[in-house]
Amino acid sequence: MKVILLIAMPTSVYADTPRVISTDAGVTELLFALGMQEHLIAVDVTSQLPADYPKLPNIGYHRTLSAEGLLSLNPSVVIGSEHTGPASVMTALQQAKVKFVQLNSANNSQQLAENVTRLSTALNQGDKGQALVQSIEQKLAQIAQANLAGERVAFLLSMDDSKLRLAGKRTSGDAFVSLMKGENIAAFDNYRNVSAESLLQMQPSVIIVAGREVADAVDNLLAANPVLAHTPAGKQRRIVAVNGATLVAGLSVSALDEAIRLTQQLSGSPALAQQDNH
């Protein structure tokens, strides 16, 4: 009598050992927040890894990806946003039976929580996703206790200190201001170059600057644009810095931490103590 041995294979090898490529800075940040960073095998150029994290292959810019480059890394899942492209790359992934998960850029806290749920579900890590969503809700509750309601806020990108980019609607800066319940003084969409004099005329009561170095961003801004000291924000020492890396691809979990830091700092007193560099 012939005996046939049936060997039971794991029901989901992918669930245990996913090989993940992140094509978006927001996705990469969420993978770290979920504790799934060990499954990353490559990231895009906008993703910022911790200084002590091993270097990973870089797949380039998320809008101009190479299907051959992605597939050569043998991923089990590629995760990106609505900006991931070109379309031919998505077609190639589908033909190669590589799962592609698309998350929308988080322009509000609700979308951020939805992205956590979708990502954790796609990676079979529902429990971790639920825990992170609960953490997000706790952070939002903290922001609700101390926020910028009633404040006229200017969010600036200070690229070289002398050139000011003011965040208008539909930007990460605007999303950050809205998160803290502030009023964005910009009446336009996207980012625009503005002069310090025009910003003075807008009379912001709070100025948030996203600089390369949080510790020096405010001093550098005022040194290059001394007229800003005469705004209501400048007179009341309500010019503060945010870590711009937390807003590269919309709101992130670490952006919530920045919002908590700044709202608590700004709500403490009109005359701020020396900025907490956090």
Protein backbone atom coordinates (compact mmCIF):
# COMPACT_ATOMS: atom_id res chain seq x y z
CA MET A 1 0.00 0.00 0.00
CA LYS A 2 1.38 3.38 -1.03
CA VAL A 3 1.47 5.94 1.75
CA ILE A 4 1.07 9.60 0.79
CA LEU A 5 2.33 12.12 3.27
CA LEU A 6 0.54 15.45 3.28
CA ILE A 7 2.72 18.27 4.59
CA ALA A 8 0.76 21.19 5.94
CA MET A 9 2.21 24.47 4.72
CA PRO A 10 1.76 27.70 6.69
CA THR A 11 -1.57 29.30 5.92
CA SER A 12 0.03 32.71 5.49
CA VAL A 13 3.74 33.03 5.07
CA TYR A 14 3.11 36.65 4.07
CA ALA A 15 1.50 37.32 7.45
CA ASP A 16 4.75 36.40 9.22
CA THR A 17 7.43 37.61 6.84
CA PRO A 18 6.20 40.40 4.56
CA ARG A 19 8.81 42.09 2.39
CA VAL A 20 7.65 45.69 2.29
CA ILE A 21 8.64 48.54 0.01
CA SER A 22 7.44 51.97 1.09
CA THR A 23 7.07 54.54 -1.68
CA ASP A 24 5.92 57.35 0.61
CA ALA A 25 7.33 59.17 3.65
CA GLY A 26 3.99 58.94 5.46
CA VAL A 27 3.85 55.18 4.95
CA THR A 28 7.39 54.75 6.23
CA GLU A 29 6.58 56.74 9.38
CA LEU A 30 3.48 54.62 10.01
CA LEU A 31 5.44 51.38 9.60
CA PHE A 32 7.81 52.53 12.34
CA ALA A 33 4.89 53.63 14.51
CA LEU A 34 3.37 50.15 14.11
CA GLY A 35 6.66 48.47 14.97
CA MET A 36 6.83 46.90 11.49
CA GLN A 37 10.06 48.55 10.37
CA GLU A 38 12.00 45.29 10.36
CA HIS A 39 9.98 44.21 7.31
CA LEU A 40 11.07 47.22 5.24
CA ILE A 41 13.38 46.26 2.40
CA ALA A 42 13.45 49.61 0.54
CA VAL A 43 12.10 53.17 0.76
CA ASP A 44 11.61 56.16 -1.51
CA VAL A 45 13.72 59.32 -1.47
CA THR A 46 11.22 61.29 0.66
CA SER A 47 11.31 58.76 3.50
CA GLN A 48 13.52 59.64 6.45
CA LEU A 49 14.91 56.77 8.50
CA PRO A 50 16.25 57.19 12.03
CA ALA A 51 19.96 57.98 12.12
CA ASP A 52 20.76 54.68 13.83
CA TYR A 53 18.64 52.55 11.48
CA PRO A 54 20.43 50.38 8.88
CA LYS A 55 20.62 51.93 5.43
CA LEU A 56 18.03 50.60 2.98
CA PRO A 57 17.95 50.60 -0.82
CA ASN A 58 16.45 53.79 -2.23
CA ILE A 59 13.90 53.34 -5.02
CA GLY A 60 13.86 57.01 -6.09
CA TYR A 61 11.03 59.53 -6.24
CA HIS A 62 7.54 58.15 -5.66
CA ARG A 63 6.04 59.76 -8.78
CA THR A 64 8.67 58.35 -11.13
CA LEU A 65 9.27 54.80 -9.94
CA SER A 66 10.75 51.98 -12.00
CA ALA A 67 8.79 48.72 -12.13
CA GLU A 68 12.00 46.81 -12.82
CA GLY A 69 13.68 48.38 -9.83
CA LEU A 70 10.81 47.50 -7.52
CA LEU A 71 10.42 43.92 -8.73
CA SER A 72 14.16 43.25 -8.56
CA LEU A 73 13.88 43.56 -4.77
CA ASN A 74 11.33 40.73 -4.64
CA PRO A 75 8.71 42.51 -2.50
CA SER A 76 5.54 40.86 -1.25
CA VAL A 77 3.79 44.20 -0.87
CA VAL A 78 4.38 47.74 -2.08
CA ILE A 79 2.71 50.53 -0.14
CA GLY A 80 2.24 54.08 -1.36
CA SER A 81 -0.13 56.99 -1.74
CA GLU A 82 -2.21 58.60 -4.47
CA HIS A 83 1.05 60.14 -5.72
CA THR A 84 2.72 56.79 -6.45
CA GLY A 85 3.38 56.32 -10.13
CA PRO A 86 3.53 56.20 -13.03
CA ALA A 87 0.43 54.09 -13.76
CA SER A 88 2.51 51.56 -15.70
CA VAL A 89 4.25 50.62 -12.44
CA MET A 90 0.93 49.69 -10.86
CA THR A 91 0.10 47.56 -13.88
CA ALA A 92 3.46 45.79 -13.68
CA LEU A 93 2.98 45.06 -9.96
CA GLN A 94 -0.46 43.63 -10.66
CA GLN A 95 0.87 41.40 -13.43
CA ALA A 96 3.64 40.17 -11.12
CA LYS A 97 1.03 39.48 -8.43
CA VAL A 98 2.67 41.87 -5.99
CA LYS A 99 0.15 43.47 -3.70
CA PHE A 100 -0.08 47.25 -3.87
CA VAL A 101 -1.71 49.11 -0.99
CA GLN A 102 -2.62 52.73 -1.65
CA LEU A 103 -3.18 55.10 1.27
CA ASN A 104 -4.45 58.64 0.86
CA SER A 105 -2.24 61.44 2.13
CA ALA A 106 -3.41 62.35 5.62
CA ASN A 107 -4.72 65.92 5.54
CA ASN A 108 -6.62 65.46 8.79
CA SER A 109 -6.52 63.26 11.87
CA GLN A 110 -9.42 61.09 10.65
CA GLN A 111 -7.53 60.17 7.48
CA LEU A 112 -4.44 59.43 9.55
CA ALA A 113 -6.38 56.97 11.71
CA GLU A 114 -7.95 55.39 8.61
CA ASN A 115 -4.49 54.90 7.10
CA VAL A 116 -3.30 53.17 10.27
CA THR A 117 -6.25 50.78 10.10
CA ARG A 118 -5.82 50.04 6.40
CA LEU A 119 -2.09 49.52 6.67
CA SER A 120 -2.24 47.30 9.74
CA THR A 121 -5.02 45.24 8.17
CA ALA A 122 -3.05 44.80 4.94
CA LEU A 123 -0.09 43.53 6.96
CA ASN A 124 -2.22 41.31 9.20
CA GLN A 125 -1.36 43.39 12.24
CA GLY A 126 -4.83 44.45 13.32
CA ASP A 127 -4.00 44.46 17.04
CA LYS A 128 -1.06 46.80 16.53
CA GLY A 129 -3.22 49.03 14.37
CA GLN A 130 -5.94 49.22 16.97
CA ALA A 131 -3.41 50.14 19.66
CA LEU A 132 -1.95 52.88 17.48
CA VAL A 133 -5.39 54.30 16.70
CA GLN A 134 -6.10 54.46 20.42
CA SER A 135 -2.80 56.28 20.92
CA ILE A 136 -3.78 58.76 18.21
CA GLU A 137 -7.11 59.40 19.93
CA GLN A 138 -5.30 60.08 23.20
CA LYS A 139 -2.99 62.56 21.50
CA LEU A 140 -5.96 64.33 19.89
CA ALA A 141 -7.59 64.63 23.30
CA GLN A 142 -4.44 66.35 24.57
CA ILE A 143 -4.52 68.79 21.68
CA ALA A 144 -8.18 69.52 22.39
CA GLN A 145 -7.28 70.56 25.93
CA ALA A 146 -4.75 73.16 24.73
CA ASN A 147 -5.20 74.46 21.21
CA LEU A 148 -4.87 77.58 19.07
CA ALA A 149 -8.56 78.42 18.70
CA GLY A 150 -8.93 82.13 17.96
CA GLU A 151 -5.32 82.54 16.83
CA ARG A 152 -4.35 83.86 13.37
CA VAL A 153 -1.56 81.52 12.34
CA ALA A 154 1.10 81.76 9.65
CA PHE A 155 2.86 78.52 8.76
CA LEU A 156 6.16 79.15 7.03
CA LEU A 157 8.66 77.01 5.19
CA SER A 158 11.96 78.79 5.66
CA MET A 159 14.12 77.19 3.01
CA ASP A 160 17.12 79.52 3.31
CA ASP A 161 15.78 81.95 5.93
CA SER A 162 15.54 84.89 3.52
CA LYS A 163 12.89 83.25 1.32
CA LEU A 164 9.57 82.70 3.04
CA ARG A 165 7.02 80.16 1.78
CA LEU A 166 3.60 80.66 3.33
CA ALA A 167 1.33 77.61 3.54
CA GLY A 168 -2.08 78.11 1.98
CA LYS A 169 -5.03 75.77 1.90
CA ARG A 170 -4.59 72.14 0.89
CA THR A 171 -1.07 71.90 2.29
CA SER A 172 0.52 69.98 5.14
CA GLY A 173 1.08 73.28 6.91
CA ASP A 174 -2.62 74.12 6.69
CA ALA A 175 -3.50 70.64 7.97
CA PHE A 176 -1.17 71.19 10.93
CA VAL A 177 -2.75 74.56 11.75
CA SER A 178 -6.25 73.05 11.49
CA LEU A 179 -5.19 70.19 13.75
CA MET A 180 -4.46 72.77 16.45
CA LYS A 181 -7.77 74.63 15.76
CA GLY A 182 -5.96 77.73 14.54
CA GLU A 183 -7.01 80.01 11.65
CA ASN A 184 -4.66 79.94 8.68
CA ILE A 185 -4.10 83.55 7.61
CA ALA A 186 -3.41 82.51 4.00
CA ALA A 187 -6.40 82.91 1.70
CA PHE A 188 -4.87 80.99 -1.22
CA ASP A 189 -4.15 77.34 -2.09
CA ASN A 190 -0.76 75.63 -1.92
CA TYR A 191 2.48 77.41 -0.93
CA ARG A 192 3.45 80.90 -2.08
CA ASN A 193 6.52 83.06 -1.68
CA VAL A 194 5.79 86.08 0.51
CA SER A 195 7.87 88.96 1.78
CA ALA A 196 8.37 89.68 5.45
CA GLU A 197 6.65 93.03 4.89
CA SER A 198 3.53 91.42 3.43
CA LEU A 199 3.47 88.97 6.31
CA LEU A 200 3.64 91.92 8.72
CA GLN A 201 0.53 93.37 7.08
CA MET A 202 -1.34 90.09 7.67
CA GLN A 203 -0.82 90.52 11.43
CA PRO A 204 -0.42 86.87 12.49
CA SER A 205 -0.74 86.25 16.22
CA VAL A 206 1.26 83.02 15.89
CA ILE A 207 4.01 82.14 13.42
CA ILE A 208 5.09 78.52 13.01
CA VAL A 209 8.27 77.97 11.05
CA ALA A 210 9.29 74.58 9.68
CA GLY A 211 13.07 74.75 9.50
CA ARG A 212 15.84 72.25 8.95
CA GLU A 213 16.92 72.56 12.57
CA VAL A 214 14.23 73.16 15.18
CA ALA A 215 16.72 74.50 17.72
CA ASP A 216 17.87 77.37 15.49
CA ALA A 217 14.87 77.91 13.19
CA VAL A 218 13.31 80.85 15.06
CA ASP A 219 16.58 82.72 15.64
CA ASN A 220 17.60 82.22 12.01
CA LEU A 221 14.19 83.39 10.77
CA LEU A 222 14.31 86.60 12.81
CA ALA A 223 17.93 87.28 11.94
CA ALA A 224 17.10 87.12 8.22
CA ASN A 225 13.71 88.85 8.56
CA PRO A 226 13.88 91.25 11.55
CA VAL A 227 10.63 92.93 10.52
CA LEU A 228 8.78 89.82 11.76
CA ALA A 229 9.60 90.86 15.32
CA HIS A 230 7.03 93.64 14.85
CA THR A 231 4.14 91.27 14.09
CA PRO A 232 1.75 90.47 16.95
CA ALA A 233 3.40 87.04 17.06
CA GLY A 234 6.85 88.59 17.31
CA LYS A 235 5.88 91.12 19.97
CA GLN A 236 4.38 88.40 22.14
CA ARG A 237 7.21 85.93 21.44
CA ARG A 238 4.79 83.55 19.78
CA ILE A 239 7.08 82.52 16.92
CA VAL A 240 7.83 78.82 17.27
CA ALA A 241 9.48 76.06 15.25
CA VAL A 242 8.14 72.69 14.16
CA ASN A 243 10.07 69.69 12.89
CA GLY A 244 9.20 69.87 9.20
CA ALA A 245 10.12 66.22 8.69
CA THR A 246 6.92 65.25 10.49
CA LEU A 247 4.84 66.92 7.75
CA VAL A 248 6.60 65.82 4.56
CA ALA A 249 3.66 63.66 3.43
CA GLY A 250 0.78 65.17 5.39
CA LEU A 251 -0.03 64.63 9.03
CA SER A 252 1.92 61.90 10.78
CA VAL A 253 1.81 60.39 14.25
CA SER A 254 4.93 62.37 15.14
CA ALA A 255 3.22 65.53 13.86
CA LEU A 256 0.62 64.99 16.59
CA ASP A 257 3.45 64.98 19.13
CA GLU A 258 4.71 68.25 17.65
CA ALA A 259 1.20 69.73 17.87
CA ILE A 260 0.98 68.76 21.54
CA ARG A 261 4.36 70.34 22.24
CA LEU A 262 3.54 73.60 20.49
CA THR A 263 -0.01 74.03 21.77
CA GLN A 264 1.12 73.44 25.34
CA GLN A 265 4.01 75.82 24.83
CA LEU A 266 1.85 78.53 23.26
CA SER A 267 -1.00 78.20 25.75
CA GLY A 268 1.30 78.55 28.74
CA SER A 269 1.83 82.30 28.49
CA PRO A 270 1.72 85.05 25.84
CA ALA A 271 5.36 85.72 26.65
CA LEU A 272 6.93 82.38 25.98
CA ALA A 273 9.86 81.05 27.89
CA GLN A 274 12.83 79.94 25.83
CA GLN A 275 11.64 77.44 23.26
CA ASP A 276 11.66 73.80 24.21
CA ASN A 277 13.79 72.10 21.58
CA HIS A 278 12.26 68.69 22.32
